[in-house]
Amino acid sequence: MDFELQWLLIALPVAFALGWMASRFDLRQAKRDDRASPKAYFKGLNLLLNAQHDKAIDAFIEAVQHDPDTTDLHFGLGSLFRRRGDFERAVRVHQHLLERGDLKAAERSRAQHALAEDFMKAGLFDRAEAAYKALEGSVFDDEARLALLSLHERARDWHAATEVARELEGRAAGSFATRIAHHACELALEADSRQQPEQAELELQRAREAAPTAARPMLLTGQRLARGGQHREALQAWTRMLMQQPTAWPLVAADFARSAVACGDCPSERDMLVRAYDAEPDMDLLQARLTLESDPAQRHRVMLGHLQRQPTLSATAQVLQIPVADWDAQTPVRLHDTVAAAARPLQRYRCAACGFEAHQYFWQCPGCQGWDTFPPRRLEAL
């Protein structure tokens, strides 16, 4: 009994000493790891700020190796991979995070969203769609639905896009009426291409109901009526559109003028075009106005007046169609000034290294400081 007590008294201090030594060793090792991880992390951050992405990635990889349980380091590393176009490695980083059983729900959603972004940037749209759908009910739900909406629009899946847009509206994520109207317009165009006029009209009706003041549904409605020979009804549809969207005149001016000519008597339509042109002398409106002018002399006056108001190359091309005998005294001067102004940007030299442009030739580029980087010819001669 005394023998066992003696050994017990000896063993207790020895065990205590061994435990203390082990704890000190673990503590020192932890401190070394903690020092190594922040050092590598801040080194990577500094390199990232200096746009040295490759070296920054190496530093972050070192930091992750020292502290593999730190999720923020993994997210930073995955983001760097994605930014430099290394999508495969970005996917591996985020998939590794998702495979961890100890990951909190918020971090798991974040990793899932990052993975979906990897797939999206890589052009793997099917996998991106599945990854975004997995975020339903998470804090990234709205962002995922917006991404899905863009994916469906990219794939021209207009029914699915409309469904997602209505879900987002139901979640008070904003108004998607205009986008829904565009989806219906695209479906109407597809129906017309399949020779399904009733379906096309139904889709346009849905578009008008979704966004009553949107220009495109009314524009397409008028175009369908004009193709069917119903020019008066087409003009009425376009007039309603222009009353609500007057800035859309250039989109409909040519069709408007052709339908007006087809109707025969078109003084009111001519007056509408003249008023719109006077308010905004656009080239499309000019062409439409000329379509309704039967008097050649009046056409020439309108074109010369446009050159005076809008001295552009397009106006110059129009005026050059007029016989020289019908020019006024200022026409040659205006033509010269317009062509000279249009040619001025082409009379520059451009640095082949950085794209810096200048009217005079430089042996050393003021932009990138490179020597002999300017080709000895102006832009118009290249």
Protein backbone atom coordinates (compact mmCIF):
# COMPACT_ATOMS: atom_id res chain seq x y z
CA MET A 1 0.00 0.00 0.00
CA ASP A 2 2.83 2.36 0.91
CA PHE A 3 4.53 1.37 -2.35
CA GLU A 4 1.48 2.29 -4.49
CA LEU A 5 1.05 5.59 -2.64
CA GLN A 6 4.68 6.42 -3.24
CA TRP A 7 4.33 5.84 -6.99
CA LEU A 8 1.11 7.84 -7.08
CA LEU A 9 2.81 10.79 -5.42
CA ILE A 10 5.58 10.59 -8.00
CA ALA A 11 3.25 10.12 -11.02
CA LEU A 12 0.99 13.08 -10.31
CA PRO A 13 3.72 15.75 -10.55
CA VAL A 14 5.17 14.04 -13.62
CA ALA A 15 1.79 13.96 -15.36
CA PHE A 16 1.19 17.58 -14.47
CA ALA A 17 4.61 18.56 -15.84
CA LEU A 18 4.05 16.64 -19.07
CA GLY A 19 0.63 18.22 -19.56
CA TRP A 20 2.01 21.69 -18.91
CA MET A 21 4.82 21.11 -21.41
CA ALA A 22 2.40 19.82 -24.04
CA SER A 23 0.08 22.79 -23.59
CA ARG A 24 2.97 25.21 -23.86
CA PHE A 25 4.13 23.48 -27.01
CA ASP A 26 0.63 23.64 -28.55
CA LEU A 27 0.27 27.27 -27.52
CA ARG A 28 3.57 28.22 -29.10
CA GLN A 29 2.62 26.33 -32.26
CA ALA A 30 -0.76 28.08 -32.40
CA LYS A 31 0.87 31.45 -31.94
CA ARG A 32 3.29 30.72 -34.76
CA ASP A 33 0.41 29.66 -37.01
CA ASP A 34 -1.59 32.75 -36.08
CA ARG A 35 1.37 34.95 -36.86
CA ALA A 36 2.02 33.20 -40.16
CA SER A 37 -1.59 33.37 -41.34
CA PRO A 38 -2.17 37.14 -40.88
CA LYS A 39 1.26 37.84 -42.32
CA ALA A 40 0.46 35.91 -45.50
CA TYR A 41 -3.01 37.42 -45.61
CA PHE A 42 -1.80 41.02 -45.40
CA LYS A 43 0.92 40.26 -47.90
CA GLY A 44 -1.72 39.02 -50.33
CA LEU A 45 -3.89 42.07 -49.68
CA ASN A 46 -0.97 44.40 -50.38
CA LEU A 47 -0.17 42.58 -53.62
CA LEU A 48 -3.82 42.72 -54.64
CA LEU A 49 -3.95 46.48 -54.09
CA ASN A 50 -0.88 46.80 -56.29
CA ALA A 51 -2.59 44.79 -59.07
CA GLN A 52 -0.14 41.89 -58.73
CA HIS A 53 -2.85 39.26 -58.91
CA ASP A 54 -0.67 36.20 -59.49
CA LYS A 55 1.54 36.92 -56.47
CA ALA A 56 -1.54 37.81 -54.41
CA ILE A 57 -3.06 34.41 -55.18
CA ASP A 58 0.14 32.67 -54.06
CA ALA A 59 0.06 34.61 -50.79
CA PHE A 60 -3.59 33.76 -50.16
CA ILE A 61 -2.93 30.09 -50.89
CA GLU A 62 -0.17 30.21 -48.26
CA ALA A 63 -2.59 31.82 -45.80
CA VAL A 64 -5.21 29.14 -46.43
CA GLN A 65 -2.63 26.42 -45.86
CA HIS A 66 -1.80 27.91 -42.45
CA ASP A 67 -5.46 28.30 -41.52
CA PRO A 68 -7.65 26.01 -43.64
CA ASP A 69 -10.73 26.62 -41.47
CA THR A 70 -10.93 30.35 -42.20
CA THR A 71 -13.77 30.77 -44.70
CA ASP A 72 -13.03 34.41 -45.48
CA LEU A 73 -9.65 33.42 -46.89
CA HIS A 74 -11.32 30.84 -49.11
CA PHE A 75 -13.83 33.39 -50.38
CA GLY A 76 -11.07 35.88 -51.10
CA LEU A 77 -9.06 33.25 -52.93
CA GLY A 78 -12.06 32.12 -54.99
CA SER A 79 -12.85 35.72 -55.91
CA LEU A 80 -9.30 36.25 -57.10
CA PHE A 81 -9.42 33.12 -59.24
CA ARG A 82 -12.69 34.29 -60.79
CA ARG A 83 -11.40 37.80 -61.49
CA ARG A 84 -8.36 36.51 -63.34
CA GLY A 85 -10.47 34.07 -65.38
CA ASP A 86 -9.31 30.88 -63.63
CA PHE A 87 -12.88 29.62 -63.21
CA GLU A 88 -11.98 25.96 -62.66
CA ARG A 89 -9.93 26.75 -59.57
CA ALA A 90 -12.57 29.18 -58.32
CA VAL A 91 -15.17 26.41 -58.61
CA ARG A 92 -12.93 23.99 -56.68
CA VAL A 93 -12.44 26.48 -53.84
CA HIS A 94 -16.16 27.11 -53.42
CA GLN A 95 -17.10 23.45 -53.83
CA HIS A 96 -14.56 22.61 -51.12
CA LEU A 97 -16.32 25.05 -48.81
CA LEU A 98 -19.72 23.50 -49.55
CA GLU A 99 -18.37 20.03 -48.72
CA ARG A 100 -17.44 21.08 -45.19
CA GLY A 101 -19.88 19.73 -42.65
CA ASP A 102 -19.15 22.42 -40.05
CA LEU A 103 -20.08 25.35 -42.31
CA LYS A 104 -22.79 27.64 -40.92
CA ALA A 105 -25.97 28.19 -42.92
CA ALA A 106 -25.09 31.80 -43.82
CA GLU A 107 -21.61 30.81 -44.98
CA ARG A 108 -23.03 27.89 -46.96
CA SER A 109 -25.41 30.23 -48.80
CA ARG A 110 -22.54 32.58 -49.48
CA ALA A 111 -20.45 29.74 -50.90
CA GLN A 112 -23.39 28.55 -53.03
CA HIS A 113 -23.85 32.06 -54.43
CA ALA A 114 -20.13 32.36 -55.16
CA LEU A 115 -20.24 29.00 -56.95
CA ALA A 116 -23.18 30.16 -59.07
CA GLU A 117 -21.23 33.29 -59.98
CA ASP A 118 -18.26 31.11 -61.01
CA PHE A 119 -20.46 29.09 -63.36
CA MET A 120 -22.08 32.25 -64.74
CA LYS A 121 -18.75 33.91 -65.51
CA ALA A 122 -17.44 30.68 -67.05
CA GLY A 123 -20.42 30.50 -69.42
CA LEU A 124 -21.71 27.25 -67.88
CA PHE A 125 -25.29 28.48 -67.86
CA ASP A 126 -27.00 25.16 -67.11
CA ARG A 127 -24.88 24.64 -64.00
CA ALA A 128 -25.29 28.29 -63.06
CA GLU A 129 -29.07 27.94 -63.27
CA ALA A 130 -29.03 24.91 -60.98
CA ALA A 131 -26.72 26.69 -58.54
CA TYR A 132 -28.95 29.77 -58.42
CA LYS A 133 -32.07 27.65 -57.90
CA ALA A 134 -30.39 26.06 -54.89
CA LEU A 135 -30.38 29.52 -53.24
CA GLU A 136 -34.18 29.65 -52.98
CA GLY A 137 -35.18 30.74 -49.49
CA SER A 138 -31.70 32.00 -48.61
CA VAL A 139 -30.51 35.56 -48.06
CA PHE A 140 -29.40 35.53 -51.70
CA ASP A 141 -32.87 34.64 -52.97
CA ASP A 142 -33.61 37.93 -54.75
CA GLU A 143 -30.13 38.14 -56.26
CA ALA A 144 -30.44 34.56 -57.49
CA ARG A 145 -33.85 35.26 -59.09
CA LEU A 146 -32.47 38.33 -60.85
CA ALA A 147 -29.62 36.22 -62.19
CA LEU A 148 -32.09 33.55 -63.31
CA LEU A 149 -34.12 36.23 -65.08
CA SER A 150 -31.03 37.28 -67.05
CA LEU A 151 -30.21 33.65 -67.81
CA HIS A 152 -33.68 32.96 -69.20
CA GLU A 153 -33.54 36.13 -71.30
CA ARG A 154 -30.12 35.12 -72.61
CA ALA A 155 -31.51 31.71 -73.55
CA ARG A 156 -34.61 33.41 -75.10
CA ASP A 157 -36.84 31.34 -72.84
CA TRP A 158 -39.44 34.09 -72.62
CA HIS A 159 -42.07 32.08 -70.72
CA ALA A 160 -39.60 31.20 -67.95
CA ALA A 161 -38.31 34.77 -67.88
CA THR A 162 -41.83 36.14 -67.48
CA GLU A 163 -42.53 33.71 -64.65
CA VAL A 164 -39.41 34.78 -62.74
CA ALA A 165 -40.17 38.47 -63.37
CA ARG A 166 -43.68 38.06 -61.93
CA GLU A 167 -42.24 36.26 -58.89
CA LEU A 168 -39.86 39.16 -58.29
CA GLU A 169 -42.73 41.65 -58.57
CA GLY A 170 -44.69 39.59 -56.06
CA ARG A 171 -41.74 39.83 -53.67
CA ALA A 172 -41.72 43.65 -53.98
CA ALA A 173 -38.31 43.55 -55.67
CA GLY A 174 -39.31 46.35 -58.06
CA SER A 175 -41.37 46.81 -61.19
CA PHE A 176 -40.72 44.42 -64.08
CA ALA A 177 -43.68 45.48 -66.23
CA THR A 178 -41.53 46.75 -69.10
CA ARG A 179 -39.43 43.59 -69.20
CA ILE A 180 -42.55 41.43 -69.13
CA ALA A 181 -43.91 43.47 -72.03
CA HIS A 182 -40.69 42.89 -73.97
CA HIS A 183 -40.99 39.14 -73.32
CA ALA A 184 -44.51 39.14 -74.77
CA CYS A 185 -43.32 41.14 -77.79
CA GLU A 186 -40.60 38.58 -78.44
CA LEU A 187 -43.20 35.81 -78.24
CA ALA A 188 -45.39 37.75 -80.69
CA LEU A 189 -42.53 37.98 -83.18
CA GLU A 190 -41.89 34.24 -82.81
CA ALA A 191 -45.59 33.52 -83.39
CA ASP A 192 -45.59 35.67 -86.54
CA SER A 193 -42.53 33.80 -87.83
CA ARG A 194 -44.49 30.55 -87.36
CA GLN A 195 -47.46 32.00 -89.26
CA GLN A 196 -49.62 32.14 -86.13
CA PRO A 197 -51.25 35.60 -86.32
CA GLU A 198 -53.87 34.92 -83.64
CA GLN A 199 -51.18 33.91 -81.13
CA ALA A 200 -49.10 36.95 -82.09
CA GLU A 201 -52.06 39.27 -81.47
CA LEU A 202 -52.72 37.58 -78.12
CA GLU A 203 -49.11 38.13 -77.04
CA LEU A 204 -49.22 41.78 -78.08
CA GLN A 205 -52.42 42.21 -76.08
CA ARG A 206 -50.60 40.77 -73.05
CA ALA A 207 -47.72 43.16 -73.66
CA ARG A 208 -50.06 46.16 -73.79
CA GLU A 209 -51.77 45.03 -70.58
CA ALA A 210 -48.42 44.55 -68.79
CA ALA A 211 -47.11 48.00 -69.76
CA PRO A 212 -49.85 50.22 -71.24
CA THR A 213 -47.48 53.13 -71.96
CA ALA A 214 -44.58 51.10 -73.38
CA ALA A 215 -43.66 52.01 -76.95
CA ARG A 216 -42.75 48.61 -78.36
CA PRO A 217 -46.15 46.86 -78.11
CA MET A 218 -47.86 49.77 -79.85
CA LEU A 219 -45.10 49.98 -82.46
CA LEU A 220 -45.42 46.28 -83.30
CA THR A 221 -49.20 46.53 -83.36
CA GLY A 222 -49.03 49.27 -85.98
CA GLN A 223 -46.49 47.36 -88.05
CA ARG A 224 -48.70 44.25 -88.07
CA LEU A 225 -51.68 46.35 -89.17
CA ALA A 226 -49.65 47.98 -91.93
CA ARG A 227 -48.46 44.61 -93.22
CA GLY A 228 -52.10 43.57 -93.41
CA GLY A 229 -52.99 46.63 -95.48
CA GLN A 230 -54.81 48.38 -92.61
CA HIS A 231 -52.81 51.58 -92.92
CA ARG A 232 -55.38 53.90 -91.36
CA GLU A 233 -55.59 51.68 -88.26
CA ALA A 234 -51.79 51.49 -88.18
CA LEU A 235 -51.54 55.29 -88.19
CA GLN A 236 -54.00 55.45 -85.32
CA ALA A 237 -51.95 52.93 -83.30
CA TRP A 238 -48.75 54.88 -83.92
CA THR A 239 -50.43 58.17 -83.09
CA ARG A 240 -51.50 56.78 -79.70
CA MET A 241 -47.94 55.61 -79.15
CA LEU A 242 -46.44 58.99 -80.05
CA MET A 243 -48.83 60.84 -77.75
CA GLN A 244 -47.42 58.82 -74.83
CA GLN A 245 -43.85 58.37 -76.10
CA PRO A 246 -43.01 61.36 -78.34
CA THR A 247 -39.30 60.56 -78.22
CA ALA A 248 -40.00 57.32 -80.13
CA TRP A 249 -40.61 59.20 -83.40
CA PRO A 250 -37.34 58.07 -85.08
CA LEU A 251 -38.36 54.43 -84.58
CA VAL A 252 -41.66 54.79 -86.41
CA ALA A 253 -41.13 57.73 -88.78
CA ALA A 254 -40.42 55.71 -91.95
CA ASP A 255 -43.35 53.31 -91.41
CA PHE A 256 -45.59 56.25 -90.48
CA ALA A 257 -44.77 58.07 -93.73
CA ARG A 258 -45.30 54.97 -95.91
CA SER A 259 -48.69 54.28 -94.37
CA ALA A 260 -49.64 57.94 -94.77
CA VAL A 261 -48.78 57.77 -98.48
CA ALA A 262 -50.76 54.52 -98.78
CA CYS A 263 -53.80 56.29 -97.32
CA GLY A 264 -53.60 58.95 -100.07
CA ASP A 265 -54.82 62.04 -98.26
CA CYS A 266 -52.31 62.73 -95.48
CA PRO A 267 -52.22 66.46 -94.52
CA SER A 268 -52.65 65.75 -90.81
CA GLU A 269 -49.88 63.14 -90.85
CA ARG A 270 -47.58 65.55 -92.72
CA ASP A 271 -48.32 68.22 -90.11
CA MET A 272 -47.45 65.76 -87.34
CA LEU A 273 -44.13 64.92 -89.00
CA VAL A 274 -43.30 68.59 -89.57
CA ARG A 275 -43.99 69.46 -85.94
CA ALA A 276 -41.91 66.52 -84.72
CA TYR A 277 -39.08 67.44 -87.08
CA ASP A 278 -39.15 71.10 -86.04
CA ALA A 279 -38.91 70.05 -82.41
CA GLU A 280 -36.04 67.61 -83.07
CA PRO A 281 -34.44 67.70 -86.55
CA ASP A 282 -33.56 64.02 -86.68
CA MET A 283 -32.37 62.32 -89.90
CA ASP A 284 -35.07 59.64 -89.68
CA LEU A 285 -37.72 62.34 -89.37
CA LEU A 286 -36.17 64.20 -92.30
CA GLN A 287 -36.39 61.11 -94.51
CA ALA A 288 -40.01 60.55 -93.49
CA ARG A 289 -40.85 64.19 -94.17
CA LEU A 290 -39.26 64.00 -97.62
CA THR A 291 -41.36 60.92 -98.36
CA LEU A 292 -44.48 63.07 -97.96
CA GLU A 293 -43.14 65.96 -100.09
CA SER A 294 -44.16 65.63 -103.72
CA ASP A 295 -42.72 68.99 -104.88
CA PRO A 296 -39.00 68.56 -105.80
CA ALA A 297 -38.22 72.21 -105.11
CA GLN A 298 -39.72 71.95 -101.64
CA ARG A 299 -37.73 68.76 -101.03
CA HIS A 300 -34.53 70.60 -101.95
CA ARG A 301 -35.36 73.48 -99.63
CA VAL A 302 -36.02 71.08 -96.77
CA MET A 303 -32.70 69.31 -97.32
CA LEU A 304 -30.74 72.55 -97.53
CA GLY A 305 -32.44 73.78 -94.39
CA HIS A 306 -31.52 70.56 -92.60
CA LEU A 307 -27.86 70.99 -93.53
CA GLN A 308 -27.98 74.44 -91.97
CA ARG A 309 -29.55 73.13 -88.75
CA GLN A 310 -27.65 69.83 -88.56
CA PRO A 311 -24.29 70.05 -90.39
CA THR A 312 -23.56 66.31 -90.42
CA LEU A 313 -22.18 63.89 -92.98
CA SER A 314 -25.63 62.35 -93.42
CA ALA A 315 -27.06 65.77 -94.23
CA THR A 316 -24.15 66.38 -96.61
CA ALA A 317 -24.92 63.13 -98.45
CA GLN A 318 -28.54 64.26 -98.84
CA VAL A 319 -27.58 67.69 -100.20
CA LEU A 320 -25.12 66.21 -102.69
CA GLN A 321 -28.11 64.55 -104.37
CA ILE A 322 -29.49 67.99 -105.22
CA PRO A 323 -28.43 69.49 -108.58
CA VAL A 324 -25.81 72.19 -108.09
CA ALA A 325 -28.04 74.66 -109.90
CA ASP A 326 -30.53 74.41 -107.00
CA TRP A 327 -27.97 75.16 -104.28
CA ASP A 328 -28.17 78.47 -102.47
CA ALA A 329 -25.15 80.73 -102.05
CA GLN A 330 -24.16 79.32 -98.65
CA THR A 331 -24.40 75.64 -99.58
CA PRO A 332 -20.73 75.18 -100.70
CA VAL A 333 -19.51 76.84 -97.50
CA ARG A 334 -21.69 74.63 -95.32
CA LEU A 335 -20.59 71.50 -97.17
CA HIS A 336 -16.93 72.46 -96.75
CA ASP A 337 -17.34 73.19 -93.04
CA THR A 338 -19.23 69.94 -92.42
CA VAL A 339 -16.69 67.75 -94.22
CA ALA A 340 -13.79 69.54 -92.54
CA ALA A 341 -15.31 69.04 -89.09
CA ALA A 342 -15.96 65.35 -89.79
CA ALA A 343 -12.41 64.84 -91.08
CA ARG A 344 -10.71 66.54 -88.14
CA PRO A 345 -10.74 63.50 -85.79
CA LEU A 346 -9.17 61.40 -88.58
CA GLN A 347 -6.26 63.81 -88.93
CA ARG A 348 -4.72 62.71 -85.65
CA TYR A 349 -1.80 60.44 -84.85
CA ARG A 350 -2.47 57.51 -82.54
CA CYS A 351 0.03 55.77 -80.25
CA ALA A 352 0.24 52.07 -81.13
CA ALA A 353 1.02 51.19 -77.50
CA CYS A 354 -1.65 52.98 -75.49
CA GLY A 355 -4.00 54.60 -78.03
CA PHE A 356 -3.19 58.21 -77.09
CA GLU A 357 -4.26 60.54 -79.92
CA ALA A 358 -2.81 63.91 -80.85
CA HIS A 359 -2.92 66.31 -83.79
CA GLN A 360 0.86 66.66 -83.77
CA TYR A 361 3.46 63.90 -84.05
CA PHE A 362 5.32 62.88 -80.87
CA TRP A 363 8.56 60.91 -80.76
CA GLN A 364 7.77 60.07 -77.12
CA CYS A 365 4.12 59.35 -76.30
CA PRO A 366 2.74 61.75 -73.64
CA GLY A 367 0.44 58.97 -72.47
CA CYS A 368 2.64 55.92 -71.94
CA GLN A 369 6.05 57.61 -72.32
CA GLY A 370 7.03 55.09 -75.00
CA TRP A 371 9.50 56.03 -77.69
CA ASP A 372 8.72 55.70 -81.42
CA THR A 373 5.25 54.35 -80.67
CA PHE A 374 3.43 56.73 -83.05
CA PRO A 375 3.06 55.41 -86.62
CA PRO A 376 4.16 58.18 -89.02
CA ARG A 377 0.73 58.28 -90.67
CA ARG A 378 -2.50 59.88 -89.57
CA LEU A 379 -5.57 57.81 -88.70
CA GLU A 380 -7.32 58.35 -92.03
CA ALA A 381 -4.33 56.82 -93.83
CA LEU A 382 -4.09 53.71 -91.65
